[in-house]
C-alpha atoms as a PDB file:
ATOM      1  CA  MET A   1      92.834  31.603 -12.002  1.00  0.00           C
ATOM      2  CA  GLY A   2      89.597  34.208 -12.192  1.00  0.00           C
ATOM      3  CA  ALA A   3      87.424  32.185 -10.028  1.00  0.00           C
ATOM      4  CA  SER A   4      84.174  33.544  -8.457  1.00  0.00           C
ATOM      5  CA  VAL A   5      84.872  35.763  -5.537  1.00  0.00           C
ATOM      6  CA  SER A   6      81.362  35.911  -3.800  1.00  0.00           C
ATOM      7  CA  ALA A   7      78.274  33.805  -3.889  1.00  0.00           C
ATOM      8  CA  ALA A   8      76.182  36.870  -3.568  1.00  0.00           C
ATOM      9  CA  ASN A   9      77.673  38.465  -6.761  1.00  0.00           C
ATOM     10  CA  PRO A  10      78.794  36.124  -9.034  1.00  0.00           C
ATOM     11  CA  ASN A  11      80.105  38.651 -11.487  1.00  0.00           C
ATOM     12  CA  MET A  12      82.686  39.684  -9.262  1.00  0.00           C
ATOM     13  CA  LYS A  13      86.074  37.942 -10.357  1.00  0.00           C
ATOM     14  CA  ALA A  14      89.195  37.290  -8.373  1.00  0.00           C
ATOM     15  CA  PRO A  15      92.242  39.499  -9.826  1.00  0.00           C
ATOM     16  CA  PRO A  16      94.029  37.733 -12.395  1.00  0.00           C
ATOM     17  CA  GLY A  17      96.988  35.189 -11.168  1.00  0.00           C
ATOM     18  CA  SER A  18      95.385  35.239  -7.912  1.00  0.00           C
ATOM     19  CA  ASP A  19      95.511  31.760  -5.962  1.00  0.00           C
ATOM     20  CA  PHE A  20      92.593  33.346  -3.524  1.00  0.00           C
ATOM     21  CA  VAL A  21      88.986  32.417  -4.105  1.00  0.00           C
ATOM     22  CA  ILE A  22      86.842  33.858  -1.405  1.00  0.00           C
ATOM     23  CA  THR A  23      83.275  32.341  -1.079  1.00  0.00           C
ATOM     24  CA  ARG A  24      80.553  32.663   1.267  1.00  0.00           C
ATOM     25  CA  SER A  25      79.462  29.216   2.204  1.00  0.00           C
ATOM     26  CA  ALA A  26      76.337  27.737   4.019  1.00  0.00           C
ATOM     27  CA  THR A  27      78.650  27.477   7.084  1.00  0.00           C
ATOM     28  CA  THR A  28      79.604  30.865   7.583  1.00  0.00           C
ATOM     29  CA  PRO A  29      77.893  32.643  10.330  1.00  0.00           C
ATOM     30  CA  ASP A  30      75.751  35.628   9.750  1.00  0.00           C
ATOM     31  CA  PHE A  31      76.316  38.098  12.597  1.00  0.00           C
ATOM     32  CA  MET A  32      74.818  41.287  10.905  1.00  0.00           C
ATOM     33  CA  ASP A  33      71.374  40.843  12.398  1.00  0.00           C
ATOM     34  CA  GLY A  34      72.922  40.119  15.687  1.00  0.00           C
ATOM     35  CA  LYS A  35      71.175  36.720  16.119  1.00  0.00           C
ATOM     36  CA  TYR A  36      72.810  33.456  16.407  1.00  0.00           C
ATOM     37  CA  VAL A  37      71.713  30.118  15.032  1.00  0.00           C
ATOM     38  CA  ALA A  38      73.182  27.828  17.726  1.00  0.00           C
ATOM     39  CA  ASP A  39      71.740  27.947  21.158  1.00  0.00           C
ATOM     40  CA  PRO A  40      74.112  29.980  23.362  1.00  0.00           C
ATOM     41  CA  ASN A  41      74.201  27.539  26.053  1.00  0.00           C
ATOM     42  CA  TYR A  42      74.852  24.484  23.689  1.00  0.00           C
ATOM     43  CA  GLY A  43      77.382  22.403  25.482  1.00  0.00           C
ATOM     44  CA  PHE A  44      77.078  24.150  28.564  1.00  0.00           C
ATOM     45  CA  ASP A  45      74.253  22.089  30.018  1.00  0.00           C
ATOM     46  CA  GLU A  46      76.235  19.557  31.910  1.00  0.00           C
ATOM     47  CA  GLN A  47      76.524  19.515  35.653  1.00  0.00           C
ATOM     48  CA  GLY A  48      74.512  22.769  35.793  1.00  0.00           C
ATOM     49  CA  LYS A  49      77.050  25.004  34.249  1.00  0.00           C
ATOM     50  CA  GLN A  50      75.612  27.927  32.398  1.00  0.00           C
ATOM     51  CA  ARG A  51      76.944  30.699  30.178  1.00  0.00           C
ATOM     52  CA  LYS A  52      76.638  34.142  31.770  1.00  0.00           C
ATOM     53  CA  GLU A  53      75.148  36.684  29.604  1.00  0.00           C
ATOM     54  CA  ARG A  54      77.115  39.883  29.378  1.00  0.00           C
ATOM     55  CA  VAL A  55      75.195  42.904  30.599  1.00  0.00           C
ATOM     56  CA  PRO A  56      76.579  46.301  29.528  1.00  0.00           C
ATOM     57  CA  VAL A  57      77.372  48.674  32.675  1.00  0.00           C
ATOM     58  CA  MET A  58      75.518  51.414  31.105  1.00  0.00           C
ATOM     59  CA  THR A  59      72.179  51.365  29.701  1.00  0.00           C
ATOM     60  CA  GLN A  60      71.313  52.880  26.469  1.00  0.00           C
ATOM     61  CA  ALA A  61      69.330  55.755  28.134  1.00  0.00           C
ATOM     62  CA  GLU A  62      72.819  56.430  29.954  1.00  0.00           C
ATOM     63  CA  ILE A  63      74.767  56.165  26.917  1.00  0.00           C
ATOM     64  CA  SER A  64      72.428  58.640  24.942  1.00  0.00           C
ATOM     65  CA  SER A  65      72.466  61.098  27.753  1.00  0.00           C
ATOM     66  CA  ALA A  66      76.276  61.008  27.848  1.00  0.00           C
ATOM     67  CA  ASN A  67      76.258  61.915  24.128  1.00  0.00           C
ATOM     68  CA  VAL A  68      78.371  58.973  23.048  1.00  0.00           C
ATOM     69  CA  GLU A  69      78.784  58.494  19.343  1.00  0.00           C
ATOM     70  CA  HIS A  70      76.846  55.679  17.630  1.00  0.00           C
ATOM     71  CA  LYS A  71      80.388  53.834  16.669  1.00  0.00           C
ATOM     72  CA  HIS A  72      81.339  53.997  20.471  1.00  0.00           C
ATOM     73  CA  ARG A  73      78.105  52.407  21.849  1.00  0.00           C
ATOM     74  CA  THR A  74      79.500  49.098  22.626  1.00  0.00           C
ATOM     75  CA  TYR A  75      79.955  46.878  25.697  1.00  0.00           C
ATOM     76  CA  CYS A  76      82.910  49.306  26.671  1.00  0.00           C
ATOM     77  CA  ALA A  77      80.892  52.350  26.428  1.00  0.00           C
ATOM     78  CA  HIS A  78      81.392  53.092  30.314  1.00  0.00           C
ATOM     79  CA  LYS A  79      85.311  53.154  29.959  1.00  0.00           C
ATOM     80  CA  PHE A  80      84.731  55.344  26.818  1.00  0.00           C
ATOM     81  CA  VAL A  81      82.826  57.722  28.815  1.00  0.00           C
ATOM     82  CA  ALA A  82      85.418  57.846  31.543  1.00  0.00           C
ATOM     83  CA  LEU A  83      88.195  58.350  28.994  1.00  0.00           C
ATOM     84  CA  LYS A  84      86.447  61.554  27.521  1.00  0.00           C
ATOM     85  CA  LYS A  85      85.672  62.900  30.946  1.00  0.00           C
ATOM     86  CA  CYS A  86      89.436  62.659  31.723  1.00  0.00           C
ATOM     87  CA  ASN A  87      90.230  64.210  28.488  1.00  0.00           C
ATOM     88  CA  LYS A  88      87.900  66.887  29.144  1.00  0.00           C
ATOM     89  CA  ASP A  89      89.257  67.655  32.485  1.00  0.00           C
ATOM     90  CA  HIS A  90      92.909  67.593  31.188  1.00  0.00           C
ATOM     91  CA  VAL A  91      92.345  69.374  27.937  1.00  0.00           C
ATOM     92  CA  PRO A  92      95.786  70.568  26.848  1.00  0.00           C
ATOM     93  CA  TRP A  93      97.555  67.190  27.817  1.00  0.00           C
ATOM     94  CA  ALA A  94      96.707  63.525  27.280  1.00  0.00           C
ATOM     95  CA  TRP A  95      99.337  61.811  29.450  1.00  0.00           C
ATOM     96  CA  PRO A  96      97.192  62.093  32.582  1.00  0.00           C
ATOM     97  CA  CYS A  97      94.538  59.991  30.782  1.00  0.00           C
ATOM     98  CA  ARG A  98      96.886  57.249  29.884  1.00  0.00           C
ATOM     99  CA  HIS A  99      95.519  54.727  32.338  1.00  0.00           C
ATOM    100  CA  GLU A 100      91.616  55.306  31.148  1.00  0.00           C
ATOM    101  CA  ARG A 101      93.015  55.166  27.563  1.00  0.00           C
ATOM    102  CA  HIS A 102      94.421  51.667  28.512  1.00  0.00           C
ATOM    103  CA  GLU A 103      91.458  50.409  30.202  1.00  0.00           C
ATOM    104  CA  TYR A 104      89.240  51.439  27.346  1.00  0.00           C
ATOM    105  CA  GLN A 105      91.666  49.701  24.818  1.00  0.00           C
ATOM    106  CA  GLU A 106      91.897  46.459  26.736  1.00  0.00           C
ATOM    107  CA  CYS A 107      87.978  46.328  27.037  1.00  0.00           C
ATOM    108  CA  GLN A 108      87.887  46.825  23.432  1.00  0.00           C
ATOM    109  CA  TYR A 109      90.395  44.091  22.687  1.00  0.00           C
ATOM    110  CA  GLU A 110      88.592  41.574  25.357  1.00  0.00           C
ATOM    111  CA  GLU A 111      85.420  42.406  23.352  1.00  0.00           C
ATOM    112  CA  TYR A 112      87.099  41.718  20.032  1.00  0.00           C
ATOM    113  CA  LEU A 113      88.134  38.248  21.410  1.00  0.00           C
ATOM    114  CA  ILE A 114      84.783  37.335  22.641  1.00  0.00           C
ATOM    115  CA  ARG A 115      83.289  38.313  19.128  1.00  0.00           C
ATOM    116  CA  MET A 116      85.902  36.206  17.483  1.00  0.00           C
ATOM    117  CA  LYS A 117      85.435  33.248  19.577  1.00  0.00           C
ATOM    118  CA  GLU A 118      81.615  33.365  19.109  1.00  0.00           C
ATOM    119  CA  TYR A 119      82.110  33.632  15.576  1.00  0.00           C
ATOM    120  CA  GLU A 120      84.337  30.497  15.690  1.00  0.00           C
ATOM    121  CA  ARG A 121      81.850  28.567  17.887  1.00  0.00           C
ATOM    122  CA  GLU A 122      79.066  29.305  15.385  1.00  0.00           C
ATOM    123  CA  ARG A 123      80.990  28.223  12.430  1.00  0.00           C
ATOM    124  CA  ARG A 124      82.186  25.060  13.955  1.00  0.00           C
ATOM    125  CA  LEU A 125      78.454  24.266  15.037  1.00  0.00           C
ATOM    126  CA  LEU A 126      77.286  24.889  11.653  1.00  0.00           C
ATOM    127  CA  HIS A 127      79.958  22.411  10.054  1.00  0.00           C
ATOM    128  CA  ARG A 128      78.692  19.958  12.686  1.00  0.00           C
ATOM    129  CA  LYS A 129      75.053  20.484  11.724  1.00  0.00           C
ATOM    130  CA  GLN A 130      76.149  20.145   7.957  1.00  0.00           C
ATOM    131  CA  ARG A 131      78.147  16.849   8.566  1.00  0.00           C
ATOM    132  CA  LYS A 132      75.262  15.468  10.400  1.00  0.00           C
ATOM    133  CA  GLU A 133      72.729  16.120   7.791  1.00  0.00           C
ATOM    134  CA  LYS A 134      75.046  14.670   5.204  1.00  0.00           C
ATOM    135  CA  ALA A 135      75.458  11.559   7.361  1.00  0.00           C
ATOM    136  CA  ALA A 136      71.597  11.165   7.866  1.00  0.00           C
ATOM    137  CA  ALA A 137      71.043  11.618   4.155  1.00  0.00           C
ATOM    138  CA  ARG A 138      73.601   8.774   3.430  1.00  0.00           C
ATOM    139  CA  ASP A 139      71.625   6.548   5.840  1.00  0.00           C
END
C-alpha cells in the first residue's frame, strides 16, 4: 500500500502491507491552541437555552501556590490537591485515600468525555460547513 500518512509530512509512508491511511483533512479540528472554530453556543440559541461555561474550582494562583505539577493543572486540580493532601496525611498507607483517588479519576474521566464530545461536535460542524460550501459552489 505505502500511502501517504500525513499531510504535514508527505515523506512519511504507511508500513508495507498496511491498509490504514492516516490523513489530516480540512475537517479535522485543531485544538492545540485551545480555540474552537464554531461558536460554543451554536445550536443552543432556541428557547433561551445557553451552554454553561465550565469554570474551574481553583484559580491559577491557588494551583500555583499548591505546587501542582503542570500536567495536573486541569479542571480537576482541586480533586488532585485533595488526593495529595490525603496521601501526605496517611503516608505509609494508600487505602485511606481511595475515596479521593476515585473522585479524582472520575473527574478526569468526565473531563475526557467532555473533550471528546467537543471534538466530535467541532468535526461535525466543520463537515457541515464544507458540505454547504460545496453546495453553494455548485449553484
